[in-house]
């Protein structure tokens, strides 16, 4: 199992667990009788055992940071609290002197997002956090390797469903531009700029217009800080539109 695949699976697992306490039923006794999960693929445990503790913690960082981002995109700031608390308070083992300043910034940005009173403030803090991750990865000559999302081939006729798939792919691409590969920024911005919003439902027209305006201004964002701020604004637009229009994304973007 590749590291990238493991990270994706870990992130999906975190997303599935990201419901609020009020939404989660008390565990039932009979659940203890469920069959044991299948054994991991041959060699997977040996591969994990050979990895440094910091590398394993970085996998946690990716999944948990993405969990916080997805909560903001859904417009559910409270759902991000658990992930943001972990990012603010967790201390990584065996940190190199070169990485320490970046990780301290990550903790500060996470706390700022946790203290935020609204989606816009939280989004900008999380954008800064992701950009800090990317700055550290570039300084260390490492970081995650983005894989195709499977959403690159959008349908020719844009319905509301395919339009949202385009938004999903673009926000993922811009996220990867912050944390892994800066060259992806222009791709994500261009995708958003090229999507012609559907005319119905009309209640979403305002949100679509904000995304279009955002894509025009974001094209000029060149530095890590500028892109971090722009990304925070983007996910806040998404979350605010979802809340204002009582839209619940079928899958957290």
Protein backbone atom coordinates (compact mmCIF):
# COMPACT_ATOMS: atom_id res chain seq x y z
CA UNK A 1 0.00 0.00 0.00
CA UNK A 2 1.52 3.31 -1.06
CA UNK A 3 1.85 6.20 1.37
CA UNK A 4 -0.45 8.34 -0.73
CA UNK A 5 -3.14 5.66 -0.75
CA UNK A 6 -2.84 5.22 3.01
CA UNK A 7 -3.23 8.97 3.50
CA UNK A 8 -6.36 9.04 1.36
CA UNK A 9 -7.88 6.13 3.27
CA UNK A 10 -7.00 7.76 6.57
CA UNK A 11 -8.57 11.01 5.45
CA UNK A 12 -11.77 9.26 4.36
CA UNK A 13 -11.95 7.49 7.69
CA UNK A 14 -11.65 10.80 9.51
CA UNK A 15 -14.39 12.35 7.35
CA UNK A 16 -16.76 9.49 8.12
CA UNK A 17 -16.21 10.10 11.82
CA UNK A 18 -16.70 13.86 11.60
CA UNK A 19 -20.29 13.97 12.83
CA UNK A 20 -21.19 16.12 15.82
CA UNK A 21 -21.85 14.51 19.22
CA UNK A 22 -25.57 15.12 18.84
CA UNK A 23 -25.65 13.12 15.63
CA UNK A 24 -23.91 10.06 16.98
CA UNK A 25 -25.99 7.33 18.64
CA UNK A 26 -24.79 5.61 21.78
CA UNK A 27 -22.91 2.41 20.96
CA UNK A 28 -24.93 -0.80 21.18
CA UNK A 29 -23.69 -3.85 23.09
CA UNK A 30 -24.20 -6.14 20.12
CA UNK A 31 -21.71 -4.09 18.12
CA UNK A 32 -18.99 -5.83 20.09
CA UNK A 33 -19.94 -9.06 18.32
CA UNK A 34 -19.22 -7.66 14.85
CA UNK A 35 -16.68 -9.68 12.88
CA UNK A 36 -13.08 -8.61 13.11
CA UNK A 37 -11.84 -6.34 10.29
CA UNK A 38 -9.85 -8.03 7.53
CA UNK A 39 -6.12 -8.27 7.95
CA UNK A 40 -4.07 -5.53 6.26
CA UNK A 41 -2.41 -6.35 2.94
CA UNK A 42 0.77 -8.39 3.13
CA UNK A 43 3.74 -6.19 3.91
CA UNK A 44 1.67 -3.16 5.00
CA UNK A 45 2.53 -3.50 8.70
CA UNK A 46 6.20 -4.01 7.91
CA UNK A 47 6.13 -0.90 5.74
CA UNK A 48 4.59 1.16 8.55
CA UNK A 49 7.06 -0.22 11.08
CA UNK A 50 9.96 1.04 8.97
CA UNK A 51 8.63 4.59 8.88
CA UNK A 52 9.80 7.33 11.22
CA UNK A 53 7.26 8.52 13.81
CA UNK A 54 7.24 12.02 12.31
CA UNK A 55 6.28 10.63 8.89
CA UNK A 56 3.30 8.85 10.45
CA UNK A 57 2.27 12.04 12.22
CA UNK A 58 2.40 13.92 8.94
CA UNK A 59 -0.17 11.49 7.58
CA UNK A 60 -2.37 12.44 10.51
CA UNK A 61 -1.80 16.10 9.71
CA UNK A 62 -3.05 15.68 6.15
CA UNK A 63 -6.21 13.79 7.09
CA UNK A 64 -7.11 15.96 10.08
CA UNK A 65 -6.41 19.25 8.30
CA UNK A 66 -8.61 18.10 5.41
CA UNK A 67 -11.34 17.19 7.90
CA UNK A 68 -11.31 20.76 9.25
CA UNK A 69 -11.40 22.17 5.73
CA UNK A 70 -14.38 20.03 4.73
CA UNK A 71 -16.34 21.14 7.80
CA UNK A 72 -15.84 24.78 6.80
CA UNK A 73 -16.92 24.04 3.22
CA UNK A 74 -20.09 22.45 4.60
CA UNK A 75 -20.64 25.61 6.64
CA UNK A 76 -20.39 23.65 9.90
CA UNK A 77 -17.71 25.48 11.85
CA UNK A 78 -18.47 23.57 15.05
CA UNK A 79 -17.69 20.29 13.25
CA UNK A 80 -14.13 21.52 12.71
CA UNK A 81 -13.46 22.01 16.43
CA UNK A 82 -12.12 18.53 17.11
CA UNK A 83 -9.68 18.58 14.21
CA UNK A 84 -8.57 22.14 14.95
CA UNK A 85 -8.03 21.33 18.63
CA UNK A 86 -5.80 18.41 17.68
CA UNK A 87 -3.81 20.56 15.26
CA UNK A 88 -3.41 23.32 17.84
CA UNK A 89 -2.39 21.11 20.76
CA UNK A 90 -0.60 18.13 19.22
CA UNK A 91 3.17 18.10 19.42
CA UNK A 92 5.08 16.02 16.89
CA UNK A 93 7.96 13.70 17.89
CA UNK A 94 11.57 14.04 16.73
CA UNK A 95 11.08 17.37 15.00
CA UNK A 96 14.11 18.74 13.18
CA UNK A 97 15.31 22.25 13.89
CA UNK A 98 14.43 23.23 10.33
CA UNK A 99 10.83 22.02 10.63
CA UNK A 100 10.13 23.36 14.13
CA UNK A 101 9.29 26.98 13.13
CA UNK A 102 6.81 25.78 10.52
CA UNK A 103 5.07 23.44 12.96
CA UNK A 104 4.79 26.22 15.53
CA UNK A 105 3.05 28.32 12.88
CA UNK A 106 0.70 25.42 12.15
CA UNK A 107 -0.27 25.29 15.83
CA UNK A 108 -0.86 29.05 15.93
CA UNK A 109 -2.98 29.07 12.76
CA UNK A 110 -5.03 26.14 14.06
CA UNK A 111 -5.70 27.98 17.32
CA UNK A 112 -6.67 31.10 15.37
CA UNK A 113 -9.14 29.04 13.33
CA UNK A 114 -10.46 27.45 16.51
CA UNK A 115 -11.04 30.89 18.06
CA UNK A 116 -12.67 32.29 14.90
CA UNK A 117 -16.18 33.66 15.27
CA UNK A 118 -17.27 33.02 11.69
CA UNK A 119 -16.51 31.00 8.57
CA UNK A 120 -14.50 33.75 6.91
CA UNK A 121 -12.05 34.13 9.79
CA UNK A 122 -11.76 30.36 10.19
CA UNK A 123 -11.27 29.87 6.46
CA UNK A 124 -8.46 32.40 6.24
CA UNK A 125 -6.71 30.88 9.25
CA UNK A 126 -6.99 27.40 7.74
CA UNK A 127 -5.72 28.68 4.40
CA UNK A 128 -2.68 30.09 6.20
CA UNK A 129 -2.20 26.75 7.95
CA UNK A 130 -2.24 24.84 4.64
CA UNK A 131 0.19 27.30 3.07
CA UNK A 132 2.53 26.84 6.02
CA UNK A 133 2.45 23.09 5.41
CA UNK A 134 3.40 23.70 1.79
CA UNK A 135 6.20 26.11 2.73
CA UNK A 136 7.62 23.48 5.07
CA UNK A 137 7.35 20.72 2.47
CA UNK A 138 9.20 22.82 -0.09
CA UNK A 139 11.87 23.80 2.43
CA UNK A 140 12.39 20.15 3.38
CA UNK A 141 12.23 18.88 -0.20
CA UNK A 142 9.36 16.54 0.67
CA UNK A 143 5.63 16.45 1.21
CA UNK A 144 2.69 14.50 -0.21
CA UNK A 145 2.37 13.67 -3.89
CA UNK A 146 -1.12 14.58 -5.16
CA UNK A 147 -2.92 11.84 -7.04
CA UNK A 148 -5.73 12.25 -9.62
CA UNK A 149 -9.04 12.79 -7.85
CA UNK A 150 -11.10 10.97 -10.47
CA UNK A 151 -13.11 14.12 -11.12
CA UNK A 152 -10.98 15.56 -13.92
CA UNK A 153 -13.30 14.50 -16.76
CA UNK A 154 -16.37 16.60 -16.15
CA UNK A 155 -19.57 16.02 -18.11
CA UNK A 156 -20.04 18.29 -21.12
CA UNK A 157 -23.48 19.55 -20.08
CA UNK A 158 -23.33 21.19 -16.68
CA UNK A 159 -26.22 20.28 -14.42
CA UNK A 160 -26.18 21.39 -10.81
CA UNK A 161 -24.61 18.02 -9.91
CA UNK A 162 -21.82 18.19 -12.48
CA UNK A 163 -21.25 21.85 -11.66
CA UNK A 164 -20.66 20.97 -8.03
CA UNK A 165 -18.32 18.20 -9.13
CA UNK A 166 -16.33 20.87 -10.92
CA UNK A 167 -16.22 22.97 -7.77
CA UNK A 168 -15.15 19.92 -5.79
CA UNK A 169 -12.32 19.10 -8.15
CA UNK A 170 -11.13 22.72 -8.26
CA UNK A 171 -11.12 23.17 -4.48
CA UNK A 172 -9.16 19.93 -4.08
CA UNK A 173 -6.68 21.09 -6.73
CA UNK A 174 -6.19 24.46 -5.06
CA UNK A 175 -5.75 22.71 -1.69
CA UNK A 176 -3.03 20.51 -3.18
CA UNK A 177 -1.44 23.64 -4.63
CA UNK A 178 -1.09 25.02 -1.11
CA UNK A 179 0.23 21.93 0.61
CA UNK A 180 2.12 20.08 -2.11
CA UNK A 181 2.53 21.46 -5.64
CA UNK A 182 2.27 25.21 -6.20
CA UNK A 183 1.98 24.77 -9.97
CA UNK A 184 -1.57 23.43 -9.48
CA UNK A 185 -2.88 26.84 -8.39
CA UNK A 186 -3.40 28.15 -11.91
CA UNK A 187 -5.16 24.91 -12.89
CA UNK A 188 -7.66 25.20 -10.05
CA UNK A 189 -8.35 28.88 -10.67
CA UNK A 190 -8.78 28.33 -14.41
CA UNK A 191 -11.25 25.51 -13.75
CA UNK A 192 -13.45 27.72 -11.59
CA UNK A 193 -13.24 30.56 -14.10
CA UNK A 194 -14.30 28.29 -16.98
CA UNK A 195 -17.40 26.82 -15.31
CA UNK A 196 -20.58 28.52 -16.51
CA UNK A 197 -23.06 28.25 -13.65
CA UNK A 198 -26.47 26.71 -14.32
CA UNK A 199 -29.37 29.17 -14.15
CA UNK A 200 -31.38 26.98 -11.79
CA UNK A 201 -31.94 26.79 -8.94
CA UNK A 202 -32.00 30.58 -8.82
CA UNK A 203 -31.33 30.68 -5.08
CA UNK A 204 -27.74 29.64 -5.76
CA UNK A 205 -27.06 32.44 -8.27
CA UNK A 206 -25.50 34.70 -5.64
CA UNK A 207 -23.03 32.05 -4.52
CA UNK A 208 -22.12 31.18 -8.09
CA UNK A 209 -21.47 34.87 -8.83
CA UNK A 210 -19.13 35.12 -5.83
CA UNK A 211 -17.15 32.09 -7.03
CA UNK A 212 -16.81 33.61 -10.51
CA UNK A 213 -15.62 36.92 -9.05
CA UNK A 214 -13.22 35.05 -6.77
CA UNK A 215 -11.63 33.19 -9.71
CA UNK A 216 -10.87 36.50 -11.43
CA UNK A 217 -9.10 37.99 -8.43
CA UNK A 218 -7.36 34.75 -7.38
CA UNK A 219 -5.51 34.55 -10.70
CA UNK A 220 -3.26 37.37 -9.48
CA UNK A 221 -2.37 35.64 -6.20
CA UNK A 222 1.28 34.66 -6.60
CA UNK A 223 2.83 34.37 -3.14
CA UNK A 224 2.09 31.67 -0.59
CA UNK A 225 0.48 34.22 1.73
CA UNK A 226 -1.75 35.66 -1.01
CA UNK A 227 -2.92 32.22 -2.05
CA UNK A 228 -3.55 31.19 1.55
CA UNK A 229 -5.80 34.20 2.07
CA UNK A 230 -7.57 33.62 -1.24
CA UNK A 231 -8.23 29.95 -0.46
CA UNK A 232 -9.65 30.84 2.93
CA UNK A 233 -12.04 33.26 1.26
CA UNK A 234 -13.08 30.58 -1.26
CA UNK A 235 -14.03 27.90 1.27
CA UNK A 236 -15.85 30.52 3.37
CA UNK A 237 -17.91 31.46 0.28
CA UNK A 238 -18.77 27.79 -0.20
CA UNK A 239 -19.73 27.26 3.43
CA UNK A 240 -21.79 30.45 3.66
CA UNK A 241 -23.72 29.57 0.49
CA UNK A 242 -24.43 26.07 1.77
CA UNK A 243 -25.76 27.42 5.08
CA UNK A 244 -27.76 30.30 3.58
CA UNK A 245 -29.48 28.02 1.08
CA UNK A 246 -29.84 24.97 3.34
CA UNK A 247 -27.68 22.94 0.97
CA UNK A 248 -25.98 19.87 2.41
CA UNK A 249 -23.23 18.57 0.12
CA UNK A 250 -23.74 14.92 -0.69
CA UNK A 251 -20.05 14.33 -0.08
CA UNK A 252 -17.86 16.70 1.85
CA UNK A 253 -15.71 18.46 -0.79
